[in-house]
Amino acid sequence: MGKTNGVLLQQPLSPVRGRFEALRRPPSKPHRHLGAVPYAAALATFVLHAVANAQYGFFRDELYFIVCGRHPALGYVDQPSLVPLLAALSQDFGTSLFALRLIPAICGALSVLVACFLTAELGGGRFAQLVCGLVVMLSPEMLQLSQRLSPDAVELWTWPLLALLVYRISRGGDRRLWLAVGLVGALAAWSKYSVAFLGVALLIGIALTPARRMLKDGWFAAGLALAFALVSPNVAWQASHGWPMITLLRNDYDQFLVRNPPFVVQQLLIMHPVLSIEWLVGLAWLMRKAQMRFLGYAYVALIAMMALLDAKPYYPSAVYPMLIAAGAVPIESWARRALGRRVAIVAVIVLLALPAIPFVLPVLPMQRYLAYQRGMARIFHVQFHVMNVKTSETPIEYYADMTGWPQMERTVAAVYDALPATDRAQAAILTRNFGEASALDVFGAADHLPPALSGNNNYWVWGTRGFSGNVLIDVNGDINVDRARFRDVRLATIFRNPYAMPYENNLPILVCRGIKTPLADLWPQLRNYSYAFRSM
C-alpha cells in the first residue's frame, strides 16, 4: 500500500502473493442452493436399510465386534476401537440385529447427505443432487456397506466429508477448517486404518496442483497435529502389542491377493458396470477443472497405491461418493433443458440398480433368494460359488456368513449340558476362529456357557481365561490333532448348516479330556492373527 498526495493507492500484488491472498478470502457461495433433496435422499436411504436390515442373521464380523466392544480397549489385534464400542452399545438392551444395523443405516444416510452437499459445493443444483443421492444410495457396494456393521460403514461418510472440507478450504474457506479435517480424519482412523491412504492420496493431489500453497498454512499443520494426537492412543496400543495388525496383513497377503480381474476392473464391477459411468464422468470432469483437479489426482493416487499393494477390491469404496457427487454436475448440465432426459436418467439409475439389490440387501427369504440367484446365473451365464464350492443351493459368501450361528450355539450348548457336573465345572470351549467364538459368546449367555476360547485374532490376546484345558469342547476341531494333545477324545456330534461357508458346515464337535500339556503352555502355538481360518 502507498500514499501519494493524500490518496491511498493499492500496489499490484505479485502473482504468488495474489494467489496466496485468494486462499484467505471468505468462501464464495456454492453455485446452487441446497433444498430438500439431500435430506429426502438421506431419509430414503435410512428407511430402506432399516426395513431390510434384520433379515437372515448376524454376520460373523458383527458378532465379533459386539464381543470386542464388551472388552473395551484402546485397540484390538485387527481393528481400532470405534466400531466394536458402537456394536456393544447397540446391544445394551438385549441382543438385537435390528438395533445393531441401525448404525450402518445411519452411516449410509450420512454418506448420501454429505455427497449431496459436495455436489452443491461443486455447483450442482437440485437435479444434480437427486442424481448423486440416487447413485450413492443404490450402487451395489454402497448398499452392501450400509447394510451390515463394519468399519467401512463409517468411512462411507467420513471420506466424502474430508473431500468436502478440503475442497471448501481450497476455495478460500476458513482455514481453521483444517482442524475439522484433523478431527474427521481421526474419527475415520478410529474406525479403520485405511483412511491413511486417503490422506496420502489427498496430499499427493494437492501437491500436484497450485492448491499446494494450502500446505504451507499453519492451520494445516495444526489439523495434522490434532489428527496424530487423537489417534496416538491406538497407535500406542498397537506398538505395545507388537504391531499385530501388521502381522495379520503379512499373514493374509498370499491368501487374499486379487489378480483376476485386475483391480481397476473390479472397481467397475463392485460399483455396477453401468452405473460406474456416472462416477467416471465425475473423474473426467474433475480432471478438466483446475480448481478441482486435486480431487481427481487424489483418486488416481489412491487406486494406484491400493492396486500396487494388492488390496481387497472394496477397500477404496468410500471414495466413490466423492466422484459420484462430481459426476452429477455435468450430467445436470447436459439434461438442463430436456425434461425427457431427466426422467430417463432417473429411470435408468433405478432400473439398473434393482436387479442387484437382492445380492446386497437381504430383502428375500433365503429360499426365494436362492431361486433368484439360480435365475440370474442362467440369464447371465455365470456360476455363483462360495470359495471352491459351486452349487446352486449355496448362497454367496456375504449371506453364507449370516446363517446358522444361533443353531451352532445351541448344538454346542447341548454338548456342554450333557457333560457330568464335575466336567462342566471345569470345561472350556475352544473354536477355530473368531466367528465361532463370538457366536458362542453372544448367544451362549442364555445357556450359561463359559466364555469361548480361540487363538484367532483378539481372542488370542484374551488368553485361556484361567481354564486348564483338562476338559475341553473343541468346536470344529481336528480329531487327529486332539488325540496327540489329550488322553481321551470322542466325537460328540456334527453340526450341519448347508447355507454356511464350507469351513462352517459339517463341524465336528469333540469332547477332550486329560490334556497332556497345560493349555496355558500350548497357547503360544495357537496364535492365528489372520482372516484365513486355517486349522489351529
Protein backbone atom coordinates (compact mmCIF):
# COMPACT_ATOMS: atom_id res chain seq x y z
CA MET A 1 0.00 0.00 0.00
CA GLY A 2 1.30 3.51 -0.79
CA LYS A 3 0.20 7.12 -0.22
CA THR A 4 0.61 9.92 -2.80
CA ASN A 5 -0.86 13.44 -2.38
CA GLY A 6 -3.13 12.12 0.34
CA VAL A 7 -4.58 9.46 -1.97
CA LEU A 8 -4.26 5.85 -0.91
CA LEU A 9 -3.01 3.74 -3.78
CA GLN A 10 -3.03 -0.05 -3.86
CA GLN A 11 0.12 -1.57 -5.25
CA PRO A 12 -0.30 -4.54 -7.58
CA LEU A 13 0.22 -7.89 -5.93
CA SER A 14 2.76 -10.33 -7.26
CA PRO A 15 1.23 -13.46 -8.85
CA VAL A 16 2.39 -15.62 -5.95
CA ARG A 17 1.14 -13.24 -3.29
CA GLY A 18 -2.09 -12.72 -5.19
CA ARG A 19 -2.86 -16.43 -5.25
CA PHE A 20 -1.98 -16.72 -1.56
CA GLU A 21 -4.33 -13.86 -0.71
CA ALA A 22 -7.07 -15.61 -2.71
CA LEU A 23 -6.81 -18.56 -0.37
CA ARG A 24 -7.53 -16.25 2.55
CA ARG A 25 -10.67 -14.65 1.14
CA PRO A 26 -14.06 -15.64 2.51
CA PRO A 27 -15.51 -18.60 0.61
CA SER A 28 -17.68 -17.87 -2.35
CA LYS A 29 -21.17 -19.26 -2.11
CA PRO A 30 -22.00 -22.57 -3.78
CA HIS A 31 -23.26 -22.15 -7.31
CA ARG A 32 -26.51 -23.85 -6.35
CA HIS A 33 -28.65 -23.73 -3.25
CA LEU A 34 -29.45 -26.68 -1.06
CA GLY A 35 -33.08 -27.65 -0.88
CA ALA A 36 -34.91 -30.65 0.47
CA VAL A 37 -33.30 -33.15 -1.93
CA PRO A 38 -30.24 -34.12 0.18
CA TYR A 39 -32.35 -34.65 3.28
CA ALA A 40 -35.03 -36.60 1.42
CA ALA A 41 -32.40 -38.83 -0.21
CA ALA A 42 -30.71 -39.45 3.15
CA LEU A 43 -34.04 -40.29 4.80
CA ALA A 44 -34.95 -42.67 1.98
CA THR A 45 -31.60 -44.41 2.39
CA PHE A 46 -32.11 -44.82 6.12
CA VAL A 47 -35.65 -46.18 5.73
CA LEU A 48 -34.58 -48.64 3.02
CA HIS A 49 -31.92 -50.16 5.25
CA ALA A 50 -33.98 -50.04 8.43
CA VAL A 51 -36.69 -52.06 6.69
CA ALA A 52 -34.33 -54.61 5.13
CA ASN A 53 -31.55 -54.92 7.67
CA ALA A 54 -32.88 -57.55 10.09
CA GLN A 55 -33.15 -60.46 7.64
CA TYR A 56 -31.09 -63.67 7.86
CA GLY A 57 -28.82 -63.10 10.86
CA PHE A 58 -25.68 -61.54 12.28
CA PHE A 59 -22.65 -61.53 10.01
CA ARG A 60 -19.65 -63.22 11.67
CA ASP A 61 -17.77 -59.91 11.94
CA GLU A 62 -20.74 -58.24 13.61
CA LEU A 63 -20.73 -60.85 16.36
CA TYR A 64 -17.00 -60.31 16.81
CA PHE A 65 -17.46 -56.53 17.06
CA ILE A 66 -20.02 -57.00 19.84
CA VAL A 67 -17.67 -59.21 21.85
CA CYS A 68 -14.69 -56.90 21.33
CA GLY A 69 -16.76 -53.91 22.41
CA ARG A 70 -17.66 -55.74 25.61
CA HIS A 71 -13.92 -55.81 26.32
CA PRO A 72 -13.24 -52.06 26.00
CA ALA A 73 -9.68 -51.29 24.95
CA LEU A 74 -7.67 -48.66 23.11
CA GLY A 75 -7.20 -51.14 20.28
CA TYR A 76 -7.61 -54.68 19.07
CA VAL A 77 -5.45 -57.00 17.02
CA ASP A 78 -7.33 -56.37 13.77
CA GLN A 79 -9.08 -53.03 14.19
CA PRO A 80 -9.34 -49.77 16.12
CA SER A 81 -11.96 -49.33 18.82
CA LEU A 82 -14.85 -47.26 17.44
CA VAL A 83 -16.95 -49.90 15.68
CA PRO A 84 -16.66 -52.52 18.47
CA LEU A 85 -17.75 -49.96 21.05
CA LEU A 86 -20.73 -48.93 18.92
CA ALA A 87 -21.65 -52.58 18.37
CA ALA A 88 -21.59 -53.36 22.08
CA LEU A 89 -23.56 -50.22 22.89
CA SER A 90 -26.30 -51.24 20.44
CA GLN A 91 -26.85 -54.45 22.42
CA ASP A 92 -27.25 -52.84 25.84
CA PHE A 93 -30.99 -53.56 25.86
CA GLY A 94 -30.70 -57.13 24.57
CA THR A 95 -29.42 -58.99 21.56
CA SER A 96 -30.89 -57.22 18.53
CA LEU A 97 -29.81 -57.43 14.93
CA PHE A 98 -32.14 -54.56 14.08
CA ALA A 99 -30.52 -52.25 16.64
CA LEU A 100 -27.01 -53.17 15.51
CA ARG A 101 -27.77 -52.46 11.87
CA LEU A 102 -29.30 -49.10 12.57
CA ILE A 103 -25.67 -47.93 12.84
CA PRO A 104 -24.71 -48.72 9.22
CA ALA A 105 -28.13 -47.43 8.10
CA ILE A 106 -27.30 -44.08 9.70
CA CYS A 107 -23.84 -44.15 8.12
CA GLY A 108 -25.36 -44.83 4.70
CA ALA A 109 -27.77 -41.94 5.12
CA LEU A 110 -24.93 -39.62 6.17
CA SER A 111 -22.94 -40.72 3.13
CA VAL A 112 -25.79 -39.69 0.83
CA LEU A 113 -26.25 -36.41 2.68
CA VAL A 114 -22.56 -35.44 2.56
CA ALA A 115 -22.27 -36.46 -1.10
CA CYS A 116 -25.24 -34.24 -1.98
CA PHE A 117 -23.65 -31.36 -0.04
CA LEU A 118 -20.47 -31.88 -2.04
CA THR A 119 -22.47 -31.83 -5.28
CA ALA A 120 -23.91 -28.45 -4.27
CA GLU A 121 -20.43 -27.20 -3.34
CA LEU A 122 -19.20 -28.20 -6.79
CA GLY A 123 -22.00 -26.21 -8.40
CA GLY A 124 -24.76 -28.78 -8.76
CA GLY A 125 -28.41 -27.87 -8.46
CA ARG A 126 -31.38 -29.88 -7.27
CA PHE A 127 -31.36 -32.36 -10.14
CA ALA A 128 -27.62 -32.96 -9.71
CA GLN A 129 -28.24 -33.58 -6.01
CA LEU A 130 -31.03 -36.02 -6.89
CA VAL A 131 -28.76 -37.93 -9.30
CA CYS A 132 -25.98 -38.00 -6.72
CA GLY A 133 -28.30 -39.19 -3.97
CA LEU A 134 -29.78 -41.97 -6.08
CA VAL A 135 -26.45 -43.30 -7.32
CA VAL A 136 -24.83 -43.23 -3.86
CA MET A 137 -27.90 -44.87 -2.34
CA LEU A 138 -28.35 -47.60 -4.99
CA SER A 139 -24.83 -48.53 -6.14
CA PRO A 140 -24.31 -52.17 -5.07
CA GLU A 141 -21.21 -51.58 -2.98
CA MET A 142 -22.78 -48.61 -1.23
CA LEU A 143 -25.88 -50.70 -0.46
CA GLN A 144 -23.80 -53.52 0.94
CA LEU A 145 -21.60 -51.36 3.13
CA SER A 146 -24.67 -49.56 4.50
CA GLN A 147 -26.42 -52.83 5.29
CA ARG A 148 -24.16 -54.52 7.83
CA LEU A 149 -21.96 -53.04 10.51
CA SER A 150 -18.32 -52.77 9.57
CA PRO A 151 -15.54 -50.18 9.77
CA ASP A 152 -16.26 -49.43 6.10
CA ALA A 153 -19.70 -48.08 7.05
CA VAL A 154 -18.09 -45.22 8.99
CA GLU A 155 -15.78 -44.49 6.06
CA LEU A 156 -18.79 -44.05 3.77
CA TRP A 157 -19.47 -40.61 5.19
CA THR A 158 -16.14 -39.57 6.70
CA TRP A 159 -14.21 -39.89 3.43
CA PRO A 160 -16.52 -37.67 1.33
CA LEU A 161 -16.72 -35.26 4.28
CA LEU A 162 -12.93 -34.96 4.22
CA ALA A 163 -13.08 -34.22 0.48
CA LEU A 164 -15.80 -31.62 1.07
CA LEU A 165 -13.85 -29.85 3.81
CA VAL A 166 -10.57 -29.79 1.89
CA TYR A 167 -12.29 -28.53 -1.25
CA ARG A 168 -14.03 -25.87 0.81
CA ILE A 169 -10.66 -24.69 2.15
CA SER A 170 -9.18 -24.67 -1.37
CA ARG A 171 -11.93 -22.27 -2.48
CA GLY A 172 -10.97 -19.77 0.18
CA GLY A 173 -12.88 -21.21 3.10
CA ASP A 174 -11.98 -20.53 6.70
CA ARG A 175 -8.51 -22.02 7.16
CA ARG A 176 -9.49 -23.16 10.64
CA LEU A 177 -11.46 -25.89 8.84
CA TRP A 178 -8.15 -27.79 8.84
CA LEU A 179 -8.95 -28.56 12.49
CA ALA A 180 -12.22 -30.13 11.34
CA VAL A 181 -10.26 -32.12 8.76
CA GLY A 182 -7.98 -33.41 11.53
CA LEU A 183 -10.97 -34.30 13.71
CA VAL A 184 -12.84 -36.16 10.96
CA GLY A 185 -9.65 -37.90 9.85
CA ALA A 186 -9.01 -39.10 13.40
CA LEU A 187 -12.60 -40.33 13.70
CA ALA A 188 -12.17 -42.29 10.48
CA ALA A 189 -8.87 -43.71 11.74
CA TRP A 190 -10.53 -44.93 14.93
CA SER A 191 -12.80 -46.90 12.62
CA LYS A 192 -10.32 -48.21 10.06
CA TYR A 193 -6.66 -47.56 9.33
CA SER A 194 -7.16 -47.25 5.57
CA VAL A 195 -8.04 -43.56 5.89
CA ALA A 196 -4.26 -43.06 5.95
CA PHE A 197 -4.24 -43.98 2.25
CA LEU A 198 -6.87 -41.34 1.54
CA GLY A 199 -4.84 -38.79 3.48
CA VAL A 200 -1.70 -39.55 1.48
CA ALA A 201 -3.71 -39.51 -1.76
CA LEU A 202 -5.18 -36.08 -0.97
CA LEU A 203 -1.71 -34.74 -0.16
CA ILE A 204 -0.41 -36.07 -3.48
CA GLY A 205 -3.33 -34.49 -5.33
CA ILE A 206 -2.83 -31.14 -3.61
CA ALA A 207 0.95 -31.23 -4.18
CA LEU A 208 0.43 -31.71 -7.93
CA THR A 209 -1.69 -28.56 -8.29
CA PRO A 210 -1.46 -24.87 -7.31
CA ALA A 211 -3.52 -25.77 -4.24
CA ARG A 212 -0.22 -26.92 -2.73
CA ARG A 213 0.06 -23.49 -1.11
CA MET A 214 -2.56 -24.67 1.38
CA LEU A 215 0.05 -26.99 2.84
CA LYS A 216 2.16 -24.04 3.99
CA ASP A 217 -0.64 -22.77 6.20
CA GLY A 218 -0.15 -23.06 9.95
CA TRP A 219 -3.73 -24.26 10.30
CA PHE A 220 -2.90 -27.24 8.08
CA ALA A 221 -0.08 -28.16 10.46
CA ALA A 222 -2.44 -27.71 13.40
CA GLY A 223 -5.04 -30.02 11.83
CA LEU A 224 -2.39 -32.63 11.12
CA ALA A 225 -1.10 -32.42 14.69
CA LEU A 226 -4.63 -32.77 16.04
CA ALA A 227 -5.25 -35.90 13.98
CA PHE A 228 -1.99 -37.50 15.16
CA ALA A 229 -2.70 -36.61 18.78
CA LEU A 230 -6.19 -38.12 18.65
CA VAL A 231 -5.08 -41.41 17.09
CA SER A 232 -1.91 -41.80 19.16
CA PRO A 233 -3.56 -43.93 21.91
CA ASN A 234 -4.46 -46.58 19.37
CA VAL A 235 -1.02 -46.41 17.78
CA ALA A 236 0.49 -46.86 21.23
CA TRP A 237 -1.72 -49.92 21.83
CA GLN A 238 -0.60 -51.50 18.55
CA ALA A 239 3.05 -50.75 19.38
CA SER A 240 2.77 -52.20 22.88
CA HIS A 241 1.32 -55.44 21.46
CA GLY A 242 3.99 -55.89 18.78
CA TRP A 243 2.04 -54.35 15.86
CA PRO A 244 -0.42 -57.26 15.48
CA MET A 245 -2.28 -55.59 12.60
CA ILE A 246 0.90 -55.63 10.52
CA THR A 247 1.44 -59.29 11.42
CA LEU A 248 -2.11 -60.08 10.33
CA LEU A 249 -1.71 -58.31 6.99
CA ARG A 250 1.52 -60.18 6.33
CA ASN A 251 -0.10 -63.50 7.20
CA ASP A 252 -3.02 -62.87 4.90
CA TYR A 253 -1.13 -61.34 1.98
CA ASP A 254 -0.99 -64.52 -0.10
CA GLN A 255 -4.48 -65.60 0.94
CA PHE A 256 -6.26 -62.55 -0.43
CA LEU A 257 -4.26 -61.49 -3.46
CA VAL A 258 -6.61 -60.20 -6.14
CA ARG A 259 -5.11 -60.94 -9.53
CA ASN A 260 -8.08 -61.61 -11.81
CA PRO A 261 -9.76 -59.48 -12.95
CA PRO A 262 -7.41 -56.52 -12.46
CA PHE A 263 -8.01 -54.21 -9.51
CA VAL A 264 -9.22 -51.33 -11.68
CA VAL A 265 -11.75 -53.55 -13.46
CA GLN A 266 -13.05 -54.78 -10.12
CA GLN A 267 -13.79 -51.19 -9.16
CA LEU A 268 -16.21 -51.00 -12.07
CA LEU A 269 -17.82 -54.29 -11.12
CA ILE A 270 -18.43 -53.62 -7.44
CA MET A 271 -19.89 -50.19 -8.15
CA HIS A 272 -22.06 -51.59 -11.00
CA PRO A 273 -20.71 -51.92 -14.55
CA VAL A 274 -23.19 -49.40 -15.99
CA LEU A 275 -23.77 -47.05 -13.06
CA SER A 276 -19.98 -46.66 -12.92
CA ILE A 277 -20.33 -44.43 -15.98
CA GLU A 278 -21.63 -41.73 -13.62
CA TRP A 279 -18.54 -41.62 -11.40
CA LEU A 280 -16.23 -41.99 -14.41
CA VAL A 281 -17.86 -38.84 -15.79
CA GLY A 282 -17.17 -37.24 -12.43
CA LEU A 283 -13.49 -38.21 -12.54
CA ALA A 284 -13.09 -36.81 -16.06
CA TRP A 285 -14.91 -33.62 -15.06
CA LEU A 286 -12.69 -33.09 -12.03
CA MET A 287 -9.60 -33.53 -14.17
CA ARG A 288 -10.79 -30.77 -16.51
CA LYS A 289 -11.38 -28.24 -13.73
CA ALA A 290 -8.19 -26.61 -12.48
CA GLN A 291 -9.55 -25.77 -9.03
CA MET A 292 -10.95 -29.28 -8.51
CA ARG A 293 -8.25 -31.32 -10.20
CA PHE A 294 -6.53 -32.24 -6.96
CA LEU A 295 -9.55 -34.41 -6.08
CA GLY A 296 -9.18 -36.32 -9.34
CA TYR A 297 -5.47 -36.79 -8.77
CA ALA A 298 -6.22 -37.99 -5.25
CA TYR A 299 -8.49 -40.74 -6.61
CA VAL A 300 -5.89 -41.89 -9.12
CA ALA A 301 -3.20 -41.95 -6.42
CA LEU A 302 -5.47 -43.89 -4.04
CA ILE A 303 -6.29 -46.57 -6.61
CA ALA A 304 -2.65 -46.83 -7.68
CA MET A 305 -1.47 -47.36 -4.09
CA MET A 306 -4.11 -49.98 -3.35
CA ALA A 307 -3.56 -51.81 -6.63
CA LEU A 308 0.20 -51.96 -6.00
CA LEU A 309 -0.43 -53.35 -2.51
CA ASP A 310 -2.93 -55.93 -3.82
CA ALA A 311 -5.68 -54.57 -1.58
CA LYS A 312 -9.11 -56.10 -1.49
CA PRO A 313 -11.35 -54.55 -4.18
CA TYR A 314 -13.73 -52.89 -1.71
CA TYR A 315 -11.05 -51.07 0.29
CA PRO A 316 -11.35 -47.77 -1.66
CA SER A 317 -15.17 -47.93 -1.85
CA ALA A 318 -15.71 -44.90 0.38
CA VAL A 319 -14.03 -42.61 -2.15
CA TYR A 320 -16.79 -43.11 -4.72
CA PRO A 321 -19.38 -40.77 -3.17
CA MET A 322 -16.88 -38.00 -3.96
CA LEU A 323 -16.72 -38.96 -7.64
CA ILE A 324 -20.46 -39.58 -7.82
CA ALA A 325 -21.03 -36.09 -6.42
CA ALA A 326 -18.80 -34.66 -9.14
CA GLY A 327 -20.38 -36.68 -11.95
CA ALA A 328 -23.86 -35.40 -11.15
CA VAL A 329 -22.90 -31.81 -12.04
CA PRO A 330 -22.09 -32.27 -15.77
CA ILE A 331 -25.00 -34.70 -16.09
CA GLU A 332 -27.32 -32.00 -14.80
CA SER A 333 -25.84 -29.53 -17.27
CA TRP A 334 -26.39 -31.99 -20.14
CA ALA A 335 -30.04 -32.51 -19.18
CA ARG A 336 -30.79 -28.94 -18.09
CA ARG A 337 -33.36 -28.05 -20.76
CA ALA A 338 -34.67 -31.54 -21.52
CA LEU A 339 -37.28 -32.90 -19.13
CA GLY A 340 -37.28 -36.18 -21.04
CA ARG A 341 -33.58 -36.63 -20.41
CA ARG A 342 -34.02 -36.00 -16.70
CA VAL A 343 -36.83 -38.52 -16.41
CA ALA A 344 -34.82 -41.04 -18.42
CA ILE A 345 -31.72 -40.57 -16.24
CA VAL A 346 -33.64 -41.20 -13.02
CA ALA A 347 -35.46 -44.20 -14.52
CA VAL A 348 -32.21 -45.75 -15.80
CA ILE A 349 -30.49 -45.39 -12.43
CA VAL A 350 -33.35 -47.06 -10.57
CA LEU A 351 -33.99 -49.81 -13.14
CA LEU A 352 -30.30 -50.71 -13.42
CA ALA A 353 -29.95 -50.91 -9.65
CA LEU A 354 -32.97 -53.13 -8.99
CA PRO A 355 -31.58 -56.49 -10.23
CA ALA A 356 -28.53 -56.22 -7.94
CA ILE A 357 -30.47 -55.37 -4.78
CA PRO A 358 -31.21 -58.97 -3.65
CA PHE A 359 -27.46 -59.70 -3.78
CA VAL A 360 -26.56 -56.89 -1.37
CA LEU A 361 -29.72 -56.38 0.70
CA PRO A 362 -31.43 -59.37 2.36
CA VAL A 363 -34.86 -58.46 1.03
CA LEU A 364 -35.85 -62.02 0.08
CA PRO A 365 -36.32 -65.10 2.28
CA MET A 366 -33.39 -67.46 1.83
CA GLN A 367 -35.17 -69.98 -0.39
CA ARG A 368 -36.53 -67.23 -2.64
CA TYR A 369 -33.12 -65.64 -2.74
CA LEU A 370 -31.52 -68.92 -3.84
CA ALA A 371 -34.12 -69.25 -6.59
CA TYR A 372 -33.31 -65.69 -7.68
CA GLN A 373 -29.60 -66.47 -7.61
CA ARG A 374 -30.15 -69.52 -9.83
CA GLY A 375 -32.25 -67.47 -12.24
CA MET A 376 -29.65 -64.72 -12.55
CA ALA A 377 -26.95 -67.35 -13.07
CA ARG A 378 -28.88 -68.74 -16.03
CA ILE A 379 -29.57 -65.31 -17.52
CA PHE A 380 -26.01 -64.03 -17.29
CA HIS A 381 -24.27 -67.40 -17.73
CA VAL A 382 -22.28 -67.10 -14.52
CA GLN A 383 -21.70 -69.55 -11.70
CA PHE A 384 -22.11 -68.18 -8.20
CA HIS A 385 -20.00 -70.01 -5.68
CA VAL A 386 -18.62 -69.94 -2.18
CA MET A 387 -14.87 -70.41 -2.21
CA ASN A 388 -14.28 -73.51 -4.35
CA VAL A 389 -17.76 -74.96 -3.86
CA LYS A 390 -20.01 -74.35 -6.85
CA THR A 391 -23.60 -75.15 -6.08
CA SER A 392 -26.92 -73.52 -6.81
CA GLU A 393 -28.02 -74.28 -3.24
CA THR A 394 -25.28 -72.30 -1.51
CA PRO A 395 -25.69 -68.54 -1.08
CA ILE A 396 -22.86 -66.18 -1.84
CA GLU A 397 -20.30 -65.70 0.94
CA TYR A 398 -21.87 -62.40 2.03
CA TYR A 399 -25.05 -64.25 3.05
CA ALA A 400 -23.47 -67.57 3.98
CA ASP A 401 -21.73 -65.86 6.88
CA MET A 402 -25.10 -64.65 8.19
CA THR A 403 -26.56 -68.12 8.67
CA GLY A 404 -26.54 -70.78 11.35
CA TRP A 405 -24.84 -69.04 14.27
CA PRO A 406 -27.66 -69.44 16.85
CA GLN A 407 -28.14 -73.08 15.77
CA MET A 408 -24.43 -73.77 16.20
CA GLU A 409 -24.52 -72.29 19.68
CA ARG A 410 -27.48 -74.45 20.67
CA THR A 411 -25.68 -77.54 19.39
CA VAL A 412 -22.61 -76.73 21.47
CA ALA A 413 -24.80 -75.93 24.48
CA ALA A 414 -26.41 -79.36 24.21
CA VAL A 415 -22.98 -81.00 24.29
CA TYR A 416 -21.97 -78.85 27.25
CA ASP A 417 -25.18 -79.66 29.17
CA ALA A 418 -24.65 -83.40 28.58
CA LEU A 419 -21.32 -83.34 30.45
CA PRO A 420 -21.25 -84.61 34.05
CA ALA A 421 -21.45 -81.80 36.58
CA THR A 422 -17.81 -82.25 37.60
CA ASP A 423 -16.73 -81.87 33.96
CA ARG A 424 -18.98 -78.86 33.32
CA ALA A 425 -17.40 -77.06 36.26
CA GLN A 426 -14.02 -77.01 34.51
CA ALA A 427 -14.94 -77.36 30.83
CA ALA A 428 -13.53 -74.90 28.34
CA ILE A 429 -14.83 -74.37 24.79
CA LEU A 430 -12.25 -73.87 22.04
CA THR A 431 -13.08 -72.74 18.47
CA ARG A 432 -11.14 -72.38 15.23
CA ASN A 433 -11.96 -68.75 14.53
CA PHE A 434 -13.42 -65.58 15.97
CA GLY A 435 -16.75 -66.08 14.19
CA GLU A 436 -17.48 -69.33 16.01
CA ALA A 437 -16.19 -67.99 19.32
CA SER A 438 -18.19 -64.79 19.03
CA ALA A 439 -21.39 -66.64 18.22
CA LEU A 440 -20.95 -68.75 21.35
CA ASP A 441 -20.27 -65.66 23.47
CA VAL A 442 -23.18 -63.60 22.10
CA PHE A 443 -25.83 -66.33 22.10
CA GLY A 444 -24.38 -68.55 24.83
CA ALA A 445 -25.11 -66.27 27.77
CA ALA A 446 -28.71 -67.52 27.89
CA ASP A 447 -27.42 -71.10 28.10
CA HIS A 448 -24.80 -70.23 30.73
CA LEU A 449 -21.90 -71.27 28.52
CA PRO A 450 -18.39 -70.36 29.69
CA PRO A 451 -16.56 -67.73 27.63
CA ALA A 452 -15.29 -69.17 24.38
CA LEU A 453 -11.59 -69.53 23.63
CA SER A 454 -9.81 -69.18 20.31
CA GLY A 455 -6.34 -68.46 19.01
CA ASN A 456 -7.75 -66.25 16.28
CA ASN A 457 -7.05 -62.51 16.39
CA ASN A 458 -8.09 -60.72 19.59
CA TYR A 459 -9.36 -63.92 21.19
CA TRP A 460 -5.74 -64.98 21.47
CA VAL A 461 -4.93 -61.75 23.38
CA TRP A 462 -7.68 -62.57 25.89
CA GLY A 463 -5.89 -65.84 26.62
CA THR A 464 -7.09 -69.01 28.30
CA ARG A 465 -9.41 -67.20 30.77
CA GLY A 466 -7.93 -69.38 33.51
CA PHE A 467 -9.02 -72.73 32.02
CA SER A 468 -6.59 -75.62 32.33
CA GLY A 469 -7.99 -77.40 29.26
CA ASN A 470 -8.28 -80.68 31.14
CA VAL A 471 -11.89 -80.90 29.91
CA LEU A 472 -12.38 -79.19 26.59
CA ILE A 473 -15.14 -79.00 23.97
CA ASP A 474 -13.34 -78.50 20.67
CA VAL A 475 -15.64 -76.89 18.09
CA ASN A 476 -14.59 -77.59 14.52
CA GLY A 477 -11.61 -79.45 15.89
CA ASP A 478 -9.20 -81.85 14.24
CA ILE A 479 -9.55 -85.26 15.87
CA ASN A 480 -6.01 -86.30 14.93
CA VAL A 481 -4.51 -83.16 16.46
CA ASP A 482 -6.60 -83.57 19.60
CA ARG A 483 -5.59 -87.20 20.04
CA ALA A 484 -1.98 -86.04 20.22
CA ARG A 485 -2.84 -83.50 22.91
CA PHE A 486 -5.40 -85.37 25.06
CA ARG A 487 -5.65 -88.80 26.60
CA ASP A 488 -9.31 -89.21 25.66
CA VAL A 489 -11.08 -87.76 22.62
CA ARG A 490 -14.58 -88.56 21.40
CA LEU A 491 -16.85 -87.12 18.72
CA ALA A 492 -19.95 -85.72 20.44
CA THR A 493 -21.85 -84.56 17.35
CA ILE A 494 -21.55 -82.89 13.96
CA PHE A 495 -23.18 -79.53 13.29
CA ARG A 496 -24.51 -79.09 9.76
CA ASN A 497 -25.56 -75.90 8.03
CA PRO A 498 -25.95 -76.26 4.25
CA TYR A 499 -26.10 -72.49 3.76
CA ALA A 500 -22.81 -71.81 5.57
CA MET A 501 -19.31 -71.32 4.32
CA PRO A 502 -17.69 -74.71 3.64
CA TYR A 503 -15.45 -74.46 6.70
CA GLU A 504 -18.53 -73.84 8.89
CA ASN A 505 -20.54 -76.81 7.59
CA ASN A 506 -20.21 -80.36 8.94
CA LEU A 507 -18.44 -79.09 12.06
CA PRO A 508 -17.18 -81.87 14.31
CA ILE A 509 -17.68 -81.09 17.98
CA LEU A 510 -15.23 -83.06 20.08
CA VAL A 511 -15.09 -83.66 23.81
CA CYS A 512 -11.49 -83.95 25.01
CA ARG A 513 -10.26 -84.99 28.45
CA GLY A 514 -6.87 -85.34 30.10
CA ILE A 515 -4.77 -82.66 28.42
CA LYS A 516 -1.12 -83.70 28.24
CA THR A 517 0.32 -80.18 28.25
CA PRO A 518 -1.47 -77.40 30.16
CA LEU A 519 -3.48 -75.13 27.88
CA ALA A 520 -1.51 -72.08 29.04
CA ASP A 521 1.68 -73.72 27.76
CA LEU A 522 0.04 -74.59 24.44
CA TRP A 523 -1.42 -71.13 23.98
CA PRO A 524 1.52 -69.51 22.11
CA GLN A 525 1.24 -72.25 19.47
CA LEU A 526 -2.45 -71.46 18.88
CA ARG A 527 -1.96 -67.83 17.87
CA ASN A 528 -3.51 -67.11 14.48
CA TYR A 529 -3.52 -63.44 13.51
CA SER A 530 -5.39 -63.88 10.27
CA TYR A 531 -8.72 -63.74 8.46
CA ALA A 532 -7.79 -67.02 6.76
CA PHE A 533 -9.45 -69.53 9.06
CA ARG A 534 -6.96 -72.33 8.80
CA SER A 535 -6.91 -75.17 11.29
CA MET A 536 -5.02 -74.46 14.52
